[in-house]
Amino acid sequence: MEIKYKPRGVCSQAIRLDLEDGVVHNVKFTGGCSGNAQGLCRLVEGMPAEEVVKRLRGIRCGFKPTSCPDQLAAALEQALAEKNSGGQ
């Protein structure tokens, strides 16, 4: 399933990824810090979504209450909740 997520409180404007059988693939950030986003995308490739959420949830960027990794975790939490409730 393709996921499109609009992050809040960070520099990136969009997150897109594929979630197949609970595994994360093809993560792409639009905007934000290019090098950090590329590294993050490569690190989570092929990882179970629940593990990504566990590792990234709560990471902050400077004084912001969130970060791009935290927003990726939020996108995955939302997708998993929708899947579990029969939304997709």
Protein backbone atom coordinates (compact mmCIF):
# COMPACT_ATOMS: atom_id res chain seq x y z
CA MET A 1 0.00 0.00 0.00
CA GLU A 2 1.32 3.43 -0.90
CA ILE A 3 1.29 5.97 1.91
CA LYS A 4 1.36 9.73 1.46
CA TYR A 5 1.78 11.79 4.61
CA LYS A 6 2.00 15.54 5.22
CA PRO A 7 4.44 16.05 8.10
CA ARG A 8 3.78 18.73 10.72
CA GLY A 9 6.32 20.91 12.50
CA VAL A 10 9.33 19.98 10.34
CA CYS A 11 11.11 21.28 7.24
CA SER A 12 10.04 18.45 4.93
CA GLN A 13 6.74 18.94 3.12
CA ALA A 14 5.82 15.33 2.34
CA ILE A 15 6.67 11.71 3.08
CA ARG A 16 5.85 8.90 0.65
CA LEU A 17 6.47 5.21 1.20
CA ASP A 18 5.22 1.73 0.47
CA LEU A 19 4.06 -0.57 3.24
CA GLU A 20 3.89 -4.21 2.17
CA ASP A 21 2.95 -6.89 4.70
CA GLY A 22 4.02 -4.57 7.51
CA VAL A 23 7.45 -3.91 5.97
CA VAL A 24 8.67 -0.43 4.94
CA HIS A 25 9.92 0.20 1.39
CA ASN A 26 10.76 3.15 -0.90
CA VAL A 27 10.65 5.97 1.68
CA LYS A 28 11.04 9.41 0.11
CA PHE A 29 11.01 12.81 1.78
CA THR A 30 10.17 16.00 -0.12
CA GLY A 31 12.13 18.93 1.29
CA GLY A 32 14.04 19.00 4.53
CA CYS A 33 17.68 18.07 5.05
CA SER A 34 18.58 15.99 2.01
CA GLY A 35 21.48 14.03 3.48
CA ASN A 36 19.65 13.17 6.70
CA ALA A 37 16.51 12.17 4.80
CA GLN A 38 18.47 9.95 2.40
CA GLY A 39 20.24 8.26 5.30
CA LEU A 40 16.98 7.72 7.16
CA CYS A 41 15.32 6.25 4.06
CA ARG A 42 18.15 3.77 3.54
CA LEU A 43 18.24 2.75 7.19
CA VAL A 44 14.54 1.86 7.39
CA GLU A 45 14.35 0.08 4.01
CA GLY A 46 13.07 -3.46 4.56
CA MET A 47 12.46 -2.92 8.27
CA PRO A 48 9.17 -3.90 9.94
CA ALA A 49 7.00 -0.80 10.39
CA GLU A 50 6.45 -1.48 14.09
CA GLU A 51 10.23 -1.57 14.65
CA VAL A 52 10.66 1.73 12.80
CA VAL A 53 8.00 3.33 15.02
CA LYS A 54 9.61 1.92 18.16
CA ARG A 55 13.04 3.29 17.22
CA LEU A 56 12.05 6.71 15.83
CA ARG A 57 9.05 7.86 17.87
CA GLY A 58 9.87 10.79 20.12
CA ILE A 59 13.04 11.99 18.38
CA ARG A 60 13.21 15.78 18.44
CA CYS A 61 14.98 18.23 16.13
CA GLY A 62 16.62 20.95 18.20
CA PHE A 63 13.92 22.77 20.16
CA LYS A 64 11.10 21.47 17.96
CA PRO A 65 8.74 18.97 19.60
CA THR A 66 9.14 16.63 16.61
CA SER A 67 11.55 15.70 13.79
CA CYS A 68 11.50 14.05 10.38
CA PRO A 69 12.17 10.63 11.96
CA ASP A 70 9.34 11.24 14.44
CA GLN A 71 7.03 12.26 11.59
CA LEU A 72 7.93 9.09 9.68
CA ALA A 73 6.95 7.14 12.80
CA ALA A 74 3.66 9.10 12.93
CA ALA A 75 2.96 8.27 9.27
CA LEU A 76 3.53 4.59 9.94
CA GLU A 77 1.41 4.63 13.11
CA GLN A 78 -1.44 6.18 11.15
CA ALA A 79 -1.11 3.63 8.34
CA LEU A 80 -0.99 0.70 10.76
CA ALA A 81 -4.04 2.02 12.66
CA GLU A 82 -5.99 2.41 9.41
CA LYS A 83 -5.00 -1.08 8.30
CA ASN A 84 -5.99 -2.59 11.67
CA SER A 85 -9.34 -0.81 11.63
CA GLY A 86 -10.07 -2.04 8.11
CA GLY A 87 -9.55 1.40 6.53
CA GLN A 88 -7.34 0.10 3.70
